[in-house]
């Protein structure tokens, strides 16, 4: 997996998190295509053996790759709300990485969640609630929060709030990863064509894999 594939996969994860947040805010639930567990589990992978182990099967980010292509392309399919959530995650990740103490605190909280999952076998939903709490405690105080728009009857439900916050934490984790593999803001201006080509290559490879397994 080359560096551009790694960057695009990380961006696809951010896009998938953003699209999932929008769906939750408007519909109160997610269908299986959003691969919620893969997105949230990636938060707890702090010392991966390889890039591929962070998200597992790249096929789990198929929705994110398609959303990313829509956002990067020249078509009118862009979703302003999804873009806003993605930009918000990029900004918050940048902000916390500039504050070493807060970034270390975030790492400690995530490590604690990792221990709860792997050593003490806490239930999955309990771990996800812990992620939501981590977002509230470590990310929200950094500045202007990401404003989520949706239906009040869903946004007022605690389980929906927890899922949204945990997915925003996952988006920020993927943003940190994107920066670690060389992602730069200028790539959105000067390397857009390269990112689109890479995303299309990944989707074609996934399609070929699917056809060969049938």
C-alpha atoms as a PDB file:
ATOM      1  CA  UNK A   1       0.000   0.000   0.000  1.00  0.00           C
ATOM      2  CA  UNK A   2       1.626   3.252  -1.127  1.00  0.00           C
ATOM      3  CA  UNK A   3       1.490   6.596   0.670  1.00  0.00           C
ATOM      4  CA  UNK A   4      -1.308   8.013  -1.489  1.00  0.00           C
ATOM      5  CA  UNK A   5      -3.459   4.961  -0.875  1.00  0.00           C
ATOM      6  CA  UNK A   6      -2.887   5.341   2.856  1.00  0.00           C
ATOM      7  CA  UNK A   7      -3.837   9.027   2.759  1.00  0.00           C
ATOM      8  CA  UNK A   8      -6.970   8.399   0.726  1.00  0.00           C
ATOM      9  CA  UNK A   9      -8.059   5.526   2.968  1.00  0.00           C
ATOM     10  CA  UNK A  10      -7.686   7.751   6.039  1.00  0.00           C
ATOM     11  CA  UNK A  11      -9.691  10.492   4.294  1.00  0.00           C
ATOM     12  CA  UNK A  12     -12.333   7.935   3.330  1.00  0.00           C
ATOM     13  CA  UNK A  13     -12.661   6.973   6.992  1.00  0.00           C
ATOM     14  CA  UNK A  14     -13.165  10.645   7.903  1.00  0.00           C
ATOM     15  CA  UNK A  15     -15.780  10.978   5.138  1.00  0.00           C
ATOM     16  CA  UNK A  16     -17.581   7.836   6.289  1.00  0.00           C
ATOM     17  CA  UNK A  17     -17.671   9.102   9.882  1.00  0.00           C
ATOM     18  CA  UNK A  18     -19.056  12.436   8.677  1.00  0.00           C
ATOM     19  CA  UNK A  19     -21.736  10.765   6.553  1.00  0.00           C
ATOM     20  CA  UNK A  20     -22.653   8.507   9.484  1.00  0.00           C
ATOM     21  CA  UNK A  21     -23.028  11.519  11.787  1.00  0.00           C
ATOM     22  CA  UNK A  22     -25.364  13.145   9.262  1.00  0.00           C
ATOM     23  CA  UNK A  23     -27.444   9.973   8.958  1.00  0.00           C
ATOM     24  CA  UNK A  24     -27.750   9.612  12.730  1.00  0.00           C
ATOM     25  CA  UNK A  25     -28.777  13.233  13.176  1.00  0.00           C
ATOM     26  CA  UNK A  26     -31.473  12.971  10.521  1.00  0.00           C
ATOM     27  CA  UNK A  27     -32.645   9.360  10.823  1.00  0.00           C
ATOM     28  CA  UNK A  28     -31.656   8.325  14.343  1.00  0.00           C
ATOM     29  CA  UNK A  29     -29.988   5.125  13.155  1.00  0.00           C
ATOM     30  CA  UNK A  30     -27.368   3.728  10.798  1.00  0.00           C
ATOM     31  CA  UNK A  31     -27.616   0.944   8.255  1.00  0.00           C
ATOM     32  CA  UNK A  32     -24.909  -1.690   8.068  1.00  0.00           C
ATOM     33  CA  UNK A  33     -23.127  -0.062   5.119  1.00  0.00           C
ATOM     34  CA  UNK A  34     -21.635   2.577   7.438  1.00  0.00           C
ATOM     35  CA  UNK A  35     -19.599  -0.131   9.244  1.00  0.00           C
ATOM     36  CA  UNK A  36     -19.901   1.679  12.578  1.00  0.00           C
ATOM     37  CA  UNK A  37     -17.890  -0.924  14.466  1.00  0.00           C
ATOM     38  CA  UNK A  38     -14.918  -0.755  12.078  1.00  0.00           C
ATOM     39  CA  UNK A  39     -14.850   3.036  12.348  1.00  0.00           C
ATOM     40  CA  UNK A  40     -15.023   3.080  16.137  1.00  0.00           C
ATOM     41  CA  UNK A  41     -12.644   0.169  16.648  1.00  0.00           C
ATOM     42  CA  UNK A  42     -10.008   2.062  14.643  1.00  0.00           C
ATOM     43  CA  UNK A  43      -9.809   4.566  17.503  1.00  0.00           C
ATOM     44  CA  UNK A  44      -8.383   1.904  19.805  1.00  0.00           C
ATOM     45  CA  UNK A  45      -5.639   0.801  17.394  1.00  0.00           C
ATOM     46  CA  UNK A  46      -2.798   2.903  18.777  1.00  0.00           C
ATOM     47  CA  UNK A  47       0.233   0.819  17.772  1.00  0.00           C
ATOM     48  CA  UNK A  48      -0.758  -1.052  14.602  1.00  0.00           C
ATOM     49  CA  UNK A  49       1.492  -3.691  13.093  1.00  0.00           C
ATOM     50  CA  UNK A  50       0.725  -2.148   9.715  1.00  0.00           C
ATOM     51  CA  UNK A  51      -1.548   0.487   8.217  1.00  0.00           C
ATOM     52  CA  UNK A  52      -3.884  -2.217   6.902  1.00  0.00           C
ATOM     53  CA  UNK A  53      -4.722  -3.451  10.414  1.00  0.00           C
ATOM     54  CA  UNK A  54      -6.221  -0.114  11.519  1.00  0.00           C
ATOM     55  CA  UNK A  55      -9.488  -0.454   9.601  1.00  0.00           C
ATOM     56  CA  UNK A  56      -9.296  -4.126   8.699  1.00  0.00           C
ATOM     57  CA  UNK A  57     -10.743  -4.808   5.259  1.00  0.00           C
ATOM     58  CA  UNK A  58     -10.623  -1.672   3.098  1.00  0.00           C
ATOM     59  CA  UNK A  59     -14.006  -2.800   1.792  1.00  0.00           C
ATOM     60  CA  UNK A  60     -15.466  -1.549   5.047  1.00  0.00           C
ATOM     61  CA  UNK A  61     -14.677   1.990   3.850  1.00  0.00           C
ATOM     62  CA  UNK A  62     -16.495   1.683   0.529  1.00  0.00           C
ATOM     63  CA  UNK A  63     -19.125   4.235   1.561  1.00  0.00           C
ATOM     64  CA  UNK A  64     -16.388   6.638   2.632  1.00  0.00           C
ATOM     65  CA  UNK A  65     -14.526   6.277  -0.660  1.00  0.00           C
ATOM     66  CA  UNK A  66     -17.690   7.121  -2.575  1.00  0.00           C
ATOM     67  CA  UNK A  67     -18.496  10.073  -0.329  1.00  0.00           C
ATOM     68  CA  UNK A  68     -14.919  11.327  -0.694  1.00  0.00           C
ATOM     69  CA  UNK A  69     -15.117  11.109  -4.480  1.00  0.00           C
ATOM     70  CA  UNK A  70     -18.356  13.091  -4.463  1.00  0.00           C
ATOM     71  CA  UNK A  71     -16.760  15.762  -2.296  1.00  0.00           C
ATOM     72  CA  UNK A  72     -13.547  15.991  -4.325  1.00  0.00           C
ATOM     73  CA  UNK A  73     -15.037  15.710  -7.801  1.00  0.00           C
ATOM     74  CA  UNK A  74     -16.326  18.394 -10.131  1.00  0.00           C
ATOM     75  CA  UNK A  75     -19.927  17.162 -10.032  1.00  0.00           C
ATOM     76  CA  UNK A  76     -22.767  18.831  -8.167  1.00  0.00           C
ATOM     77  CA  UNK A  77     -23.105  15.856  -5.814  1.00  0.00           C
ATOM     78  CA  UNK A  78     -21.194  17.596  -3.033  1.00  0.00           C
ATOM     79  CA  UNK A  79     -22.850  17.524   0.357  1.00  0.00           C
ATOM     80  CA  UNK A  80     -22.147  20.771   2.217  1.00  0.00           C
ATOM     81  CA  UNK A  81     -23.099  19.279   5.564  1.00  0.00           C
ATOM     82  CA  UNK A  82     -20.768  16.293   5.199  1.00  0.00           C
ATOM     83  CA  UNK A  83     -17.993  18.629   4.066  1.00  0.00           C
ATOM     84  CA  UNK A  84     -18.554  20.811   7.124  1.00  0.00           C
ATOM     85  CA  UNK A  85     -18.220  17.847   9.475  1.00  0.00           C
ATOM     86  CA  UNK A  86     -15.036  16.734   7.707  1.00  0.00           C
ATOM     87  CA  UNK A  87     -13.531  20.224   7.854  1.00  0.00           C
ATOM     88  CA  UNK A  88     -14.509  20.448  11.528  1.00  0.00           C
ATOM     89  CA  UNK A  89     -12.699  17.188  12.316  1.00  0.00           C
ATOM     90  CA  UNK A  90      -9.595  18.373  10.440  1.00  0.00           C
ATOM     91  CA  UNK A  91      -9.593  21.632  12.405  1.00  0.00           C
ATOM     92  CA  UNK A  92     -10.089  19.971  15.808  1.00  0.00           C
ATOM     93  CA  UNK A  93      -7.347  17.421  15.156  1.00  0.00           C
ATOM     94  CA  UNK A  94      -4.964  20.193  14.165  1.00  0.00           C
ATOM     95  CA  UNK A  95      -5.889  22.121  17.299  1.00  0.00           C
ATOM     96  CA  UNK A  96      -5.326  19.278  19.736  1.00  0.00           C
ATOM     97  CA  UNK A  97      -2.045  18.250  18.101  1.00  0.00           C
ATOM     98  CA  UNK A  98      -0.786  21.764  18.782  1.00  0.00           C
ATOM     99  CA  UNK A  99      -1.418  21.260  22.509  1.00  0.00           C
ATOM    100  CA  UNK A 100       0.933  18.466  23.654  1.00  0.00           C
ATOM    101  CA  UNK A 101      -0.559  18.132  27.141  1.00  0.00           C
ATOM    102  CA  UNK A 102      -4.102  17.802  25.839  1.00  0.00           C
ATOM    103  CA  UNK A 103      -2.970  15.425  23.092  1.00  0.00           C
ATOM    104  CA  UNK A 104      -1.233  13.266  25.693  1.00  0.00           C
ATOM    105  CA  UNK A 105      -4.366  13.310  27.841  1.00  0.00           C
ATOM    106  CA  UNK A 106      -6.403  12.138  24.851  1.00  0.00           C
ATOM    107  CA  UNK A 107      -3.926   9.311  24.264  1.00  0.00           C
ATOM    108  CA  UNK A 108      -4.183   8.230  27.898  1.00  0.00           C
ATOM    109  CA  UNK A 109      -7.973   8.118  27.742  1.00  0.00           C
ATOM    110  CA  UNK A 110      -7.891   6.047  24.553  1.00  0.00           C
ATOM    111  CA  UNK A 111      -5.327   3.692  26.097  1.00  0.00           C
ATOM    112  CA  UNK A 112      -7.642   3.254  29.076  1.00  0.00           C
ATOM    113  CA  UNK A 113     -10.493   2.335  26.741  1.00  0.00           C
ATOM    114  CA  UNK A 114      -8.186  -0.127  24.969  1.00  0.00           C
ATOM    115  CA  UNK A 115      -7.431  -1.837  28.287  1.00  0.00           C
ATOM    116  CA  UNK A 116     -11.104  -1.966  29.191  1.00  0.00           C
ATOM    117  CA  UNK A 117     -11.868  -3.668  25.905  1.00  0.00           C
ATOM    118  CA  UNK A 118      -8.962  -6.124  25.703  1.00  0.00           C
ATOM    119  CA  UNK A 119      -8.068  -6.847  29.319  1.00  0.00           C
ATOM    120  CA  UNK A 120     -11.379  -6.505  31.102  1.00  0.00           C
ATOM    121  CA  UNK A 121     -13.721  -7.395  28.226  1.00  0.00           C
ATOM    122  CA  UNK A 122     -16.097  -4.489  28.750  1.00  0.00           C
ATOM    123  CA  UNK A 123     -19.175  -4.657  26.545  1.00  0.00           C
ATOM    124  CA  UNK A 124     -18.799  -2.925  23.188  1.00  0.00           C
ATOM    125  CA  UNK A 125     -21.503  -0.346  23.862  1.00  0.00           C
ATOM    126  CA  UNK A 126     -19.804   0.564  27.143  1.00  0.00           C
ATOM    127  CA  UNK A 127     -16.576   1.212  25.254  1.00  0.00           C
ATOM    128  CA  UNK A 128     -18.410   3.391  22.750  1.00  0.00           C
ATOM    129  CA  UNK A 129     -19.987   5.376  25.600  1.00  0.00           C
ATOM    130  CA  UNK A 130     -16.457   5.885  26.904  1.00  0.00           C
ATOM    131  CA  UNK A 131     -15.422   7.227  23.510  1.00  0.00           C
ATOM    132  CA  UNK A 132     -18.294   9.711  23.592  1.00  0.00           C
ATOM    133  CA  UNK A 133     -17.205  10.832  27.054  1.00  0.00           C
ATOM    134  CA  UNK A 134     -13.624  11.159  25.856  1.00  0.00           C
ATOM    135  CA  UNK A 135     -14.753  13.407  23.021  1.00  0.00           C
ATOM    136  CA  UNK A 136     -16.737  15.587  25.436  1.00  0.00           C
ATOM    137  CA  UNK A 137     -13.879  15.844  27.933  1.00  0.00           C
ATOM    138  CA  UNK A 138     -10.877  16.167  25.620  1.00  0.00           C
ATOM    139  CA  UNK A 139     -12.105  17.600  22.311  1.00  0.00           C
ATOM    140  CA  UNK A 140     -15.141  19.765  23.033  1.00  0.00           C
ATOM    141  CA  UNK A 141     -13.262  22.202  25.331  1.00  0.00           C
ATOM    142  CA  UNK A 142     -10.741  23.030  22.584  1.00  0.00           C
ATOM    143  CA  UNK A 143     -12.906  25.679  20.979  1.00  0.00           C
ATOM    144  CA  UNK A 144     -16.008  26.066  18.899  1.00  0.00           C
ATOM    145  CA  UNK A 145     -17.696  22.622  18.737  1.00  0.00           C
ATOM    146  CA  UNK A 146     -18.938  21.076  15.525  1.00  0.00           C
ATOM    147  CA  UNK A 147     -22.580  22.059  15.176  1.00  0.00           C
ATOM    148  CA  UNK A 148     -24.704  19.048  14.258  1.00  0.00           C
ATOM    149  CA  UNK A 149     -27.928  19.653  12.342  1.00  0.00           C
ATOM    150  CA  UNK A 150     -30.761  17.160  12.320  1.00  0.00           C
ATOM    151  CA  UNK A 151     -34.117  16.299  13.801  1.00  0.00           C
ATOM    152  CA  UNK A 152     -34.505  17.308  17.474  1.00  0.00           C
ATOM    153  CA  UNK A 153     -36.316  14.063  18.328  1.00  0.00           C
ATOM    154  CA  UNK A 154     -33.137  12.175  17.447  1.00  0.00           C
ATOM    155  CA  UNK A 155     -30.526  14.673  18.618  1.00  0.00           C
ATOM    156  CA  UNK A 156     -32.097  14.757  22.084  1.00  0.00           C
ATOM    157  CA  UNK A 157     -31.682  10.999  22.540  1.00  0.00           C
ATOM    158  CA  UNK A 158     -28.654  10.072  24.643  1.00  0.00           C
ATOM    159  CA  UNK A 159     -27.752   6.955  22.604  1.00  0.00           C
ATOM    160  CA  UNK A 160     -27.731   9.043  19.410  1.00  0.00           C
ATOM    161  CA  UNK A 161     -25.622  11.735  21.084  1.00  0.00           C
ATOM    162  CA  UNK A 162     -23.140   9.073  22.241  1.00  0.00           C
ATOM    163  CA  UNK A 163     -22.861   7.599  18.751  1.00  0.00           C
ATOM    164  CA  UNK A 164     -22.339  11.001  17.164  1.00  0.00           C
ATOM    165  CA  UNK A 165     -19.606  11.966  19.633  1.00  0.00           C
ATOM    166  CA  UNK A 166     -17.838   8.622  19.295  1.00  0.00           C
ATOM    167  CA  UNK A 167     -17.930   8.905  15.491  1.00  0.00           C
ATOM    168  CA  UNK A 168     -16.521  12.429  15.662  1.00  0.00           C
ATOM    169  CA  UNK A 169     -13.717  11.043  17.838  1.00  0.00           C
ATOM    170  CA  UNK A 170     -13.122   8.376  15.175  1.00  0.00           C
ATOM    171  CA  UNK A 171     -12.989  11.091  12.508  1.00  0.00           C
ATOM    172  CA  UNK A 172     -10.383  12.988  14.517  1.00  0.00           C
ATOM    173  CA  UNK A 173      -8.353   9.804  15.028  1.00  0.00           C
ATOM    174  CA  UNK A 174      -8.359   9.238  11.258  1.00  0.00           C
ATOM    175  CA  UNK A 175      -7.376  12.871  10.715  1.00  0.00           C
ATOM    176  CA  UNK A 176      -4.356  12.401  12.985  1.00  0.00           C
ATOM    177  CA  UNK A 177      -3.517   9.261  11.003  1.00  0.00           C
ATOM    178  CA  UNK A 178      -3.883  11.161   7.718  1.00  0.00           C
ATOM    179  CA  UNK A 179      -1.379  13.734   8.927  1.00  0.00           C
ATOM    180  CA  UNK A 180       0.978  10.985  10.138  1.00  0.00           C
ATOM    181  CA  UNK A 181       1.116   9.452   6.648  1.00  0.00           C
ATOM    182  CA  UNK A 182       1.909  12.810   5.066  1.00  0.00           C
ATOM    183  CA  UNK A 183      -1.528  14.323   4.478  1.00  0.00           C
ATOM    184  CA  UNK A 184      -1.438  18.096   4.009  1.00  0.00           C
ATOM    185  CA  UNK A 185      -4.169  20.680   3.556  1.00  0.00           C
ATOM    186  CA  UNK A 186      -2.511  21.827   0.342  1.00  0.00           C
ATOM    187  CA  UNK A 187      -3.241  18.404  -1.177  1.00  0.00           C
ATOM    188  CA  UNK A 188      -6.888  19.449  -1.474  1.00  0.00           C
ATOM    189  CA  UNK A 189      -5.765  22.250  -3.777  1.00  0.00           C
ATOM    190  CA  UNK A 190      -2.819  20.799  -5.662  1.00  0.00           C
ATOM    191  CA  UNK A 191      -3.263  17.004  -5.500  1.00  0.00           C
ATOM    192  CA  UNK A 192      -7.011  16.629  -5.936  1.00  0.00           C
ATOM    193  CA  UNK A 193      -6.626  14.761  -9.239  1.00  0.00           C
ATOM    194  CA  UNK A 194      -4.198  12.308  -7.631  1.00  0.00           C
ATOM    195  CA  UNK A 195      -6.565  11.672  -4.713  1.00  0.00           C
ATOM    196  CA  UNK A 196      -9.533  11.113  -7.042  1.00  0.00           C
ATOM    197  CA  UNK A 197      -7.534   8.674  -9.154  1.00  0.00           C
ATOM    198  CA  UNK A 198      -6.386   6.787  -6.061  1.00  0.00           C
ATOM    199  CA  UNK A 199      -9.919   6.541  -4.654  1.00  0.00           C
ATOM    200  CA  UNK A 200     -11.176   5.228  -7.999  1.00  0.00           C
ATOM    201  CA  UNK A 201      -8.341   2.665  -8.100  1.00  0.00           C
ATOM    202  CA  UNK A 202      -9.266   1.431  -4.627  1.00  0.00           C
ATOM    203  CA  UNK A 203     -12.948   1.117  -5.549  1.00  0.00           C
ATOM    204  CA  UNK A 204     -12.093  -0.764  -8.751  1.00  0.00           C
ATOM    205  CA  UNK A 205      -9.904  -3.157  -6.787  1.00  0.00           C
ATOM    206  CA  UNK A 206     -12.716  -3.751  -4.302  1.00  0.00           C
ATOM    207  CA  UNK A 207     -15.150  -4.356  -7.154  1.00  0.00           C
ATOM    208  CA  UNK A 208     -12.760  -6.865  -8.754  1.00  0.00           C
ATOM    209  CA  UNK A 209     -12.373  -8.692  -5.447  1.00  0.00           C
ATOM    210  CA  UNK A 210     -16.136  -8.875  -5.076  1.00  0.00           C
ATOM    211  CA  UNK A 211     -16.614 -10.254  -8.585  1.00  0.00           C
ATOM    212  CA  UNK A 212     -13.873 -12.870  -8.178  1.00  0.00           C
ATOM    213  CA  UNK A 213     -15.410 -14.141  -4.939  1.00  0.00           C
ATOM    214  CA  UNK A 214     -18.822 -14.721  -6.518  1.00  0.00           C
END
